[in-house]
Amino acid sequence: MSKLIKIDNLKPDPDSKHREKRVGRGHGSGHGKTSCKGHKGQKSRTGLDIKPTFEGGQTPIIRRIPKRGFTNIFKVEYEVINVKDLAERFKEGEIVDLESMKIRGLLKGKDKLVKLLGDGEINFPLTVKVHSASRSAIEKIEKAGGKVELVSG
């Protein structure tokens, strides 16, 4: 019959708990004198603080690797929508704005500007409200009887 487990007879598995290493308690303990820290040196001192990036005094790798180019902080990133995407997902006479494009799965990113490009064909009128549009996209929408309105971002 197995023993019932109760709160008063719980014990850890044998060998799962180790005794704390008591250092600096004399020669007889086996951990006396230098307290397991060897002789002298940076790592034997109190207040040790070696940063993870420190490489022992040699030039760190981040300073050895050459730097190239630069990041333009004024770059404007657009999420691109093509005319063929509008033709597939919208019906004649609808107003295509950012909300309706998000609902129909055309926009994935958050708070990105939207640019309409002219890839594909459309043969019914739509009113499209985007942040930017290519000349060919505007021509195709207007040729189909619709119009493109540019909204500020």
N, C-alpha and C. Protein backbone atom coordinates (compact mmCIF):
# COMPACT_ATOMS: atom_id res chain seq x y z
N MET A 1 0.84 -1.18 0.00
CA MET A 1 0.00 0.00 0.00
C MET A 1 0.89 1.25 0.00
N SER A 2 0.55 2.20 -0.88
CA SER A 2 1.36 3.41 -0.96
C SER A 2 1.02 4.35 0.19
N LYS A 3 2.04 5.09 0.56
CA LYS A 3 1.89 6.03 1.66
C LYS A 3 1.11 7.25 1.20
N LEU A 4 0.18 7.72 1.99
CA LEU A 4 -0.57 8.92 1.65
C LEU A 4 0.34 10.14 1.78
N ILE A 5 0.22 11.05 0.80
CA ILE A 5 1.01 12.27 0.86
C ILE A 5 0.22 13.33 1.59
N LYS A 6 0.80 13.80 2.69
CA LYS A 6 0.19 14.86 3.48
C LYS A 6 1.20 15.98 3.63
N ILE A 7 0.72 17.11 4.06
CA ILE A 7 1.60 18.28 4.19
C ILE A 7 2.70 18.04 5.23
N ASP A 8 2.42 17.18 6.23
CA ASP A 8 3.41 16.97 7.29
C ASP A 8 4.45 15.91 6.95
N ASN A 9 4.24 15.15 5.84
CA ASN A 9 5.26 14.16 5.50
C ASN A 9 5.92 14.41 4.13
N LEU A 10 5.82 15.65 3.63
CA LEU A 10 6.49 15.99 2.37
C LEU A 10 7.98 16.17 2.60
N LYS A 11 8.79 15.61 1.71
CA LYS A 11 10.24 15.77 1.78
C LYS A 11 10.77 15.91 0.35
N PRO A 12 11.86 16.66 0.16
CA PRO A 12 12.47 16.71 -1.17
C PRO A 12 13.11 15.38 -1.53
N ASP A 13 13.28 15.12 -2.82
CA ASP A 13 13.94 13.89 -3.26
C ASP A 13 15.36 13.84 -2.70
N PRO A 14 15.87 12.65 -2.43
CA PRO A 14 17.25 12.55 -1.96
C PRO A 14 18.21 13.13 -3.01
N ASP A 15 19.23 13.82 -2.57
CA ASP A 15 20.26 14.44 -3.42
C ASP A 15 19.75 15.60 -4.28
N SER A 16 18.51 16.07 -4.04
CA SER A 16 18.04 17.21 -4.82
C SER A 16 18.40 18.53 -4.15
N LYS A 17 18.77 18.49 -2.89
CA LYS A 17 19.16 19.68 -2.16
C LYS A 17 20.63 19.58 -1.79
N HIS A 18 21.38 20.66 -2.01
CA HIS A 18 22.80 20.68 -1.66
C HIS A 18 23.02 21.64 -0.52
N ARG A 19 23.99 21.30 0.33
CA ARG A 19 24.32 22.21 1.42
C ARG A 19 25.03 23.42 0.84
N GLU A 20 24.82 24.56 1.48
CA GLU A 20 25.47 25.80 1.06
C GLU A 20 26.97 25.68 1.31
N LYS A 21 27.79 26.17 0.36
CA LYS A 21 29.23 26.16 0.51
C LYS A 21 29.62 27.28 1.47
N ARG A 22 30.14 26.96 2.64
CA ARG A 22 30.53 27.96 3.63
C ARG A 22 32.00 28.28 3.43
N VAL A 23 32.27 29.45 2.91
CA VAL A 23 33.65 29.83 2.60
C VAL A 23 34.20 30.77 3.66
N GLY A 24 35.54 30.79 3.76
CA GLY A 24 36.20 31.70 4.69
C GLY A 24 36.03 31.28 6.14
N ARG A 25 35.97 29.97 6.40
CA ARG A 25 35.78 29.49 7.77
C ARG A 25 36.98 28.66 8.24
N GLY A 26 38.18 29.02 7.77
CA GLY A 26 39.40 28.36 8.25
C GLY A 26 39.89 27.25 7.34
N HIS A 27 41.17 26.86 7.54
CA HIS A 27 41.82 25.85 6.69
C HIS A 27 41.12 24.51 6.72
N GLY A 28 40.64 24.13 7.88
CA GLY A 28 40.04 22.80 8.02
C GLY A 28 38.80 22.61 7.18
N SER A 29 38.15 23.69 6.83
CA SER A 29 36.91 23.56 6.06
C SER A 29 37.18 23.22 4.60
N GLY A 30 38.42 23.47 4.15
CA GLY A 30 38.72 23.26 2.73
C GLY A 30 38.36 24.46 1.88
N HIS A 31 37.70 25.44 2.48
CA HIS A 31 37.34 26.66 1.76
C HIS A 31 37.82 27.89 2.52
N GLY A 32 38.94 27.77 3.16
CA GLY A 32 39.47 28.88 3.95
C GLY A 32 40.38 29.77 3.15
N LYS A 33 41.14 30.58 3.84
CA LYS A 33 42.13 31.51 3.29
C LYS A 33 41.58 32.38 2.16
N THR A 34 41.64 31.95 0.91
CA THR A 34 41.21 32.81 -0.21
C THR A 34 39.72 32.65 -0.51
N SER A 35 39.03 31.82 0.22
CA SER A 35 37.58 31.62 0.07
C SER A 35 37.19 31.24 -1.35
N CYS A 36 37.92 30.32 -1.94
CA CYS A 36 37.63 29.76 -3.28
C CYS A 36 37.79 30.78 -4.39
N LYS A 37 38.50 31.90 -4.16
CA LYS A 37 38.64 32.93 -5.19
C LYS A 37 40.04 32.99 -5.78
N GLY A 38 40.91 32.06 -5.45
CA GLY A 38 42.26 32.09 -6.00
C GLY A 38 43.08 33.20 -5.37
N HIS A 39 44.16 33.60 -6.06
CA HIS A 39 45.05 34.62 -5.51
C HIS A 39 44.94 35.91 -6.31
N LYS A 40 44.77 37.01 -5.62
CA LYS A 40 44.78 38.36 -6.19
C LYS A 40 43.85 38.49 -7.39
N GLY A 41 44.04 39.50 -8.19
CA GLY A 41 43.26 39.65 -9.42
C GLY A 41 41.90 40.29 -9.21
N GLN A 42 41.33 40.73 -10.34
CA GLN A 42 40.07 41.46 -10.32
C GLN A 42 38.93 40.64 -9.73
N LYS A 43 38.88 39.37 -10.06
CA LYS A 43 37.75 38.55 -9.63
C LYS A 43 37.82 38.14 -8.16
N SER A 44 38.93 38.40 -7.49
CA SER A 44 39.02 38.05 -6.07
C SER A 44 38.62 39.22 -5.19
N ARG A 45 38.42 40.40 -5.76
CA ARG A 45 38.11 41.59 -4.98
C ARG A 45 36.61 41.72 -4.72
N THR A 46 36.27 42.46 -3.70
CA THR A 46 34.86 42.73 -3.45
C THR A 46 34.38 43.82 -4.41
N GLY A 47 33.08 43.90 -4.60
CA GLY A 47 32.51 44.92 -5.47
C GLY A 47 32.75 44.64 -6.94
N LEU A 48 32.95 43.39 -7.30
CA LEU A 48 33.23 43.02 -8.70
C LEU A 48 32.05 43.38 -9.59
N ASP A 49 32.33 44.08 -10.69
CA ASP A 49 31.28 44.44 -11.64
C ASP A 49 31.89 44.45 -13.03
N ILE A 50 31.86 43.30 -13.70
CA ILE A 50 32.38 43.20 -15.06
C ILE A 50 31.18 43.18 -16.00
N LYS A 51 31.11 44.15 -16.89
CA LYS A 51 29.99 44.24 -17.82
C LYS A 51 30.04 43.06 -18.81
N PRO A 52 28.88 42.60 -19.29
CA PRO A 52 28.85 41.47 -20.22
C PRO A 52 29.62 41.75 -21.52
N THR A 53 29.76 43.03 -21.87
CA THR A 53 30.45 43.37 -23.12
C THR A 53 31.95 43.53 -22.94
N PHE A 54 32.44 43.46 -21.71
CA PHE A 54 33.87 43.66 -21.46
C PHE A 54 34.66 42.47 -21.98
N GLU A 55 35.74 42.73 -22.71
CA GLU A 55 36.53 41.67 -23.34
C GLU A 55 37.96 41.65 -22.83
N GLY A 56 38.14 41.91 -21.54
CA GLY A 56 39.45 41.77 -20.95
C GLY A 56 40.45 42.82 -21.36
N GLY A 57 40.00 43.98 -21.78
CA GLY A 57 40.94 45.04 -22.14
C GLY A 57 41.24 45.14 -23.62
N GLN A 58 40.95 44.07 -24.39
CA GLN A 58 41.15 44.20 -25.84
C GLN A 58 40.04 45.05 -26.42
N THR A 59 40.26 45.57 -27.62
CA THR A 59 39.25 46.42 -28.24
C THR A 59 37.97 45.61 -28.46
N PRO A 60 36.85 46.07 -27.93
CA PRO A 60 35.61 45.30 -28.06
C PRO A 60 35.19 45.12 -29.52
N ILE A 61 34.46 44.05 -29.79
CA ILE A 61 34.08 43.71 -31.16
C ILE A 61 33.25 44.81 -31.80
N ILE A 62 32.44 45.50 -31.01
CA ILE A 62 31.59 46.55 -31.58
C ILE A 62 32.44 47.71 -32.09
N ARG A 63 33.63 47.90 -31.54
CA ARG A 63 34.51 48.96 -32.02
C ARG A 63 35.44 48.48 -33.12
N ARG A 64 35.59 47.15 -33.28
CA ARG A 64 36.46 46.62 -34.35
C ARG A 64 35.74 46.50 -35.68
N ILE A 65 34.42 46.33 -35.64
CA ILE A 65 33.66 46.14 -36.87
C ILE A 65 33.48 47.48 -37.57
N PRO A 66 33.74 47.57 -38.87
CA PRO A 66 33.58 48.85 -39.56
C PRO A 66 32.12 49.25 -39.66
N LYS A 67 31.90 50.54 -39.58
CA LYS A 67 30.54 51.07 -39.69
C LYS A 67 30.31 51.55 -41.13
N ARG A 68 29.13 51.27 -41.69
CA ARG A 68 28.85 51.67 -43.07
C ARG A 68 27.48 52.32 -43.16
N GLY A 69 27.38 53.33 -44.01
CA GLY A 69 26.09 53.93 -44.30
C GLY A 69 25.54 54.74 -43.14
N PHE A 70 24.27 55.10 -43.26
CA PHE A 70 23.60 55.84 -42.21
C PHE A 70 22.10 55.58 -42.31
N THR A 71 21.37 55.93 -41.27
CA THR A 71 19.92 55.76 -41.25
C THR A 71 19.28 57.13 -41.40
N ASN A 72 18.49 57.28 -42.43
CA ASN A 72 17.79 58.54 -42.67
C ASN A 72 16.60 58.63 -41.73
N ILE A 73 16.65 59.56 -40.78
CA ILE A 73 15.58 59.66 -39.79
C ILE A 73 14.33 60.32 -40.36
N PHE A 74 14.42 60.88 -41.56
CA PHE A 74 13.27 61.54 -42.18
C PHE A 74 12.59 60.65 -43.22
N LYS A 75 13.03 59.39 -43.36
CA LYS A 75 12.47 58.48 -44.35
C LYS A 75 10.99 58.22 -44.05
N VAL A 76 10.17 58.28 -45.08
CA VAL A 76 8.74 58.02 -44.94
C VAL A 76 8.46 56.64 -45.52
N GLU A 77 7.91 55.74 -44.71
CA GLU A 77 7.61 54.40 -45.18
C GLU A 77 6.12 54.28 -45.47
N TYR A 78 5.81 53.74 -46.65
CA TYR A 78 4.43 53.57 -47.08
C TYR A 78 4.07 52.10 -47.11
N GLU A 79 2.82 51.81 -46.83
CA GLU A 79 2.29 50.48 -47.09
C GLU A 79 1.66 50.55 -48.47
N VAL A 80 2.04 49.64 -49.34
CA VAL A 80 1.68 49.73 -50.76
C VAL A 80 0.42 48.92 -51.06
N ILE A 81 -0.51 49.57 -51.76
CA ILE A 81 -1.74 48.93 -52.25
C ILE A 81 -1.78 49.14 -53.76
N ASN A 82 -2.12 48.09 -54.51
CA ASN A 82 -2.22 48.21 -55.96
C ASN A 82 -3.67 48.33 -56.40
N VAL A 83 -3.87 48.86 -57.61
CA VAL A 83 -5.21 49.02 -58.17
C VAL A 83 -5.92 47.67 -58.27
N LYS A 84 -5.17 46.61 -58.62
CA LYS A 84 -5.78 45.27 -58.76
C LYS A 84 -6.32 44.78 -57.42
N ASP A 85 -5.68 45.17 -56.29
CA ASP A 85 -6.18 44.78 -54.97
C ASP A 85 -7.54 45.41 -54.69
N LEU A 86 -7.69 46.67 -55.11
CA LEU A 86 -8.99 47.35 -54.93
C LEU A 86 -10.06 46.70 -55.80
N ALA A 87 -9.70 46.34 -57.04
CA ALA A 87 -10.65 45.73 -57.96
C ALA A 87 -11.14 44.38 -57.44
N GLU A 88 -10.28 43.65 -56.73
CA GLU A 88 -10.65 42.33 -56.21
C GLU A 88 -11.55 42.42 -54.98
N ARG A 89 -11.37 43.43 -54.14
CA ARG A 89 -12.02 43.45 -52.84
C ARG A 89 -13.18 44.44 -52.68
N PHE A 90 -13.34 45.37 -53.63
CA PHE A 90 -14.39 46.37 -53.48
C PHE A 90 -15.37 46.29 -54.65
N LYS A 91 -16.60 46.80 -54.39
CA LYS A 91 -17.65 46.81 -55.41
C LYS A 91 -17.79 48.21 -55.97
N GLU A 92 -18.53 48.32 -57.03
CA GLU A 92 -18.73 49.59 -57.74
C GLU A 92 -19.31 50.67 -56.83
N GLY A 93 -18.74 51.87 -56.89
CA GLY A 93 -19.26 53.03 -56.18
C GLY A 93 -18.90 53.12 -54.71
N GLU A 94 -18.15 52.17 -54.18
CA GLU A 94 -17.81 52.20 -52.76
C GLU A 94 -16.75 53.27 -52.47
N ILE A 95 -16.73 53.71 -51.22
CA ILE A 95 -15.69 54.63 -50.77
C ILE A 95 -14.60 53.80 -50.09
N VAL A 96 -13.41 53.91 -50.63
CA VAL A 96 -12.28 53.13 -50.12
C VAL A 96 -11.43 54.05 -49.25
N ASP A 97 -11.53 53.88 -47.91
CA ASP A 97 -10.68 54.65 -47.01
C ASP A 97 -9.83 53.68 -46.18
N LEU A 98 -9.08 54.21 -45.25
CA LEU A 98 -8.15 53.38 -44.47
C LEU A 98 -8.89 52.33 -43.65
N GLU A 99 -10.01 52.69 -43.06
CA GLU A 99 -10.79 51.73 -42.26
C GLU A 99 -11.30 50.57 -43.10
N SER A 100 -11.88 50.89 -44.27
CA SER A 100 -12.43 49.81 -45.11
C SER A 100 -11.32 48.91 -45.66
N MET A 101 -10.14 49.48 -45.91
CA MET A 101 -9.01 48.64 -46.37
C MET A 101 -8.53 47.73 -45.25
N LYS A 102 -8.54 48.23 -44.02
CA LYS A 102 -8.13 47.43 -42.87
C LYS A 102 -9.11 46.28 -42.64
N ILE A 103 -10.40 46.58 -42.76
CA ILE A 103 -11.44 45.57 -42.57
C ILE A 103 -11.31 44.45 -43.60
N ARG A 104 -10.98 44.81 -44.85
CA ARG A 104 -10.88 43.81 -45.92
C ARG A 104 -9.49 43.17 -46.00
N GLY A 105 -8.61 43.45 -45.04
CA GLY A 105 -7.32 42.76 -44.96
C GLY A 105 -6.24 43.30 -45.87
N LEU A 106 -6.41 44.52 -46.39
CA LEU A 106 -5.37 45.09 -47.26
C LEU A 106 -4.24 45.72 -46.45
N LEU A 107 -4.56 46.26 -45.29
CA LEU A 107 -3.54 46.91 -44.46
C LEU A 107 -3.18 46.00 -43.29
N LYS A 108 -1.90 45.80 -43.12
CA LYS A 108 -1.45 44.94 -42.03
C LYS A 108 -0.74 45.74 -40.94
N GLY A 109 0.09 46.72 -41.35
CA GLY A 109 0.87 47.49 -40.38
C GLY A 109 0.01 48.46 -39.60
N LYS A 110 0.58 48.96 -38.52
CA LYS A 110 -0.12 49.93 -37.69
C LYS A 110 0.36 51.32 -38.05
N ASP A 111 -0.56 52.23 -38.22
CA ASP A 111 -0.27 53.64 -38.40
C ASP A 111 0.76 53.94 -39.49
N LYS A 112 0.75 53.18 -40.56
CA LYS A 112 1.63 53.48 -41.69
C LYS A 112 0.86 54.28 -42.72
N LEU A 113 1.60 55.06 -43.48
CA LEU A 113 0.97 55.80 -44.57
C LEU A 113 0.71 54.83 -45.72
N VAL A 114 -0.34 55.09 -46.50
CA VAL A 114 -0.74 54.18 -47.58
C VAL A 114 -0.51 54.86 -48.93
N LYS A 115 0.14 54.12 -49.84
CA LYS A 115 0.36 54.62 -51.19
C LYS A 115 -0.32 53.69 -52.18
N LEU A 116 -1.04 54.27 -53.12
CA LEU A 116 -1.73 53.51 -54.16
C LEU A 116 -0.86 53.47 -55.40
N LEU A 117 -0.57 52.25 -55.89
CA LEU A 117 0.22 52.08 -57.11
C LEU A 117 -0.66 51.54 -58.23
N GLY A 118 -0.18 51.69 -59.46
CA GLY A 118 -1.02 51.40 -60.63
C GLY A 118 -0.91 50.02 -61.22
N ASP A 119 -0.49 49.02 -60.47
CA ASP A 119 -0.39 47.66 -61.00
C ASP A 119 -1.78 47.04 -61.09
N GLY A 120 -2.16 46.56 -62.26
CA GLY A 120 -3.46 45.93 -62.46
C GLY A 120 -4.44 46.86 -63.15
N GLU A 121 -5.67 46.37 -63.34
CA GLU A 121 -6.71 47.13 -64.03
C GLU A 121 -7.96 47.21 -63.16
N ILE A 122 -8.75 48.26 -63.42
CA ILE A 122 -10.04 48.41 -62.74
C ILE A 122 -11.02 48.98 -63.76
N ASN A 123 -12.27 48.48 -63.76
CA ASN A 123 -13.24 48.94 -64.76
C ASN A 123 -14.56 49.41 -64.14
N PHE A 124 -14.51 49.81 -62.86
CA PHE A 124 -15.69 50.39 -62.22
C PHE A 124 -15.23 51.52 -61.30
N PRO A 125 -16.12 52.51 -61.06
CA PRO A 125 -15.70 53.69 -60.29
C PRO A 125 -15.60 53.43 -58.78
N LEU A 126 -14.56 54.00 -58.17
CA LEU A 126 -14.36 53.96 -56.73
C LEU A 126 -13.89 55.33 -56.27
N THR A 127 -14.21 55.70 -55.06
CA THR A 127 -13.63 56.89 -54.44
C THR A 127 -12.58 56.40 -53.46
N VAL A 128 -11.33 56.70 -53.75
CA VAL A 128 -10.21 56.18 -52.97
C VAL A 128 -9.58 57.31 -52.16
N LYS A 129 -9.45 57.08 -50.84
CA LYS A 129 -8.82 58.07 -49.96
C LYS A 129 -7.53 57.45 -49.39
N VAL A 130 -6.38 57.94 -49.90
CA VAL A 130 -5.07 57.43 -49.47
C VAL A 130 -4.14 58.61 -49.20
N HIS A 131 -2.97 58.32 -48.63
CA HIS A 131 -1.99 59.36 -48.33
C HIS A 131 -1.21 59.79 -49.57
N SER A 132 -0.99 58.85 -50.50
CA SER A 132 -0.22 59.15 -51.70
C SER A 132 -0.65 58.18 -52.80
N ALA A 133 -0.45 58.60 -54.06
CA ALA A 133 -0.81 57.74 -55.18
C ALA A 133 0.10 58.03 -56.35
N SER A 134 0.41 57.00 -57.13
CA SER A 134 1.23 57.20 -58.32
C SER A 134 0.36 57.78 -59.44
N ARG A 135 1.03 58.39 -60.41
CA ARG A 135 0.31 59.02 -61.52
C ARG A 135 -0.52 57.98 -62.29
N SER A 136 0.07 56.78 -62.51
CA SER A 136 -0.64 55.74 -63.27
C SER A 136 -1.87 55.25 -62.52
N ALA A 137 -1.78 55.18 -61.18
CA ALA A 137 -2.93 54.72 -60.39
C ALA A 137 -4.06 55.74 -60.47
N ILE A 138 -3.72 57.01 -60.36
CA ILE A 138 -4.74 58.07 -60.45
C ILE A 138 -5.41 58.03 -61.81
N GLU A 139 -4.62 57.87 -62.88
CA GLU A 139 -5.19 57.81 -64.24
C GLU A 139 -6.14 56.64 -64.39
N LYS A 140 -5.78 55.46 -63.87
CA LYS A 140 -6.63 54.27 -64.02
C LYS A 140 -7.94 54.42 -63.25
N ILE A 141 -7.88 54.98 -62.04
CA ILE A 141 -9.09 55.16 -61.24
C ILE A 141 -10.02 56.18 -61.92
N GLU A 142 -9.43 57.29 -62.40
CA GLU A 142 -10.25 58.33 -63.04
C GLU A 142 -10.80 57.88 -64.39
N LYS A 143 -10.05 57.06 -65.11
CA LYS A 143 -10.51 56.52 -66.39
C LYS A 143 -11.73 55.61 -66.19
N ALA A 144 -11.77 54.93 -65.04
CA ALA A 144 -12.89 54.04 -64.71
C ALA A 144 -14.08 54.83 -64.18
N GLY A 145 -13.92 56.15 -63.97
CA GLY A 145 -15.02 56.98 -63.51
C GLY A 145 -14.96 57.31 -62.02
N GLY A 146 -13.91 56.90 -61.34
CA GLY A 146 -13.79 57.18 -59.92
C GLY A 146 -12.91 58.37 -59.65
N LYS A 147 -12.55 58.58 -58.39
CA LYS A 147 -11.63 59.67 -58.07
C LYS A 147 -10.74 59.30 -56.89
N VAL A 148 -9.57 59.94 -56.85
CA VAL A 148 -8.59 59.68 -55.80
C VAL A 148 -8.48 60.95 -54.95
N GLU A 149 -8.67 60.81 -53.65
CA GLU A 149 -8.52 61.94 -52.74
C GLU A 149 -7.31 61.67 -51.84
N LEU A 150 -6.41 62.66 -51.76
CA LEU A 150 -5.23 62.51 -50.92
C LEU A 150 -5.53 63.08 -49.54
N VAL A 151 -5.32 62.24 -48.52
CA VAL A 151 -5.53 62.67 -47.13
C VAL A 151 -4.18 62.92 -46.50
N SER A 152 -4.15 63.80 -45.51
CA SER A 152 -2.88 64.09 -44.85
C SER A 152 -2.61 63.02 -43.80
N GLY A 153 -1.31 62.74 -43.60
CA GLY A 153 -0.94 61.67 -42.67
C GLY A 153 -0.45 62.25 -41.45
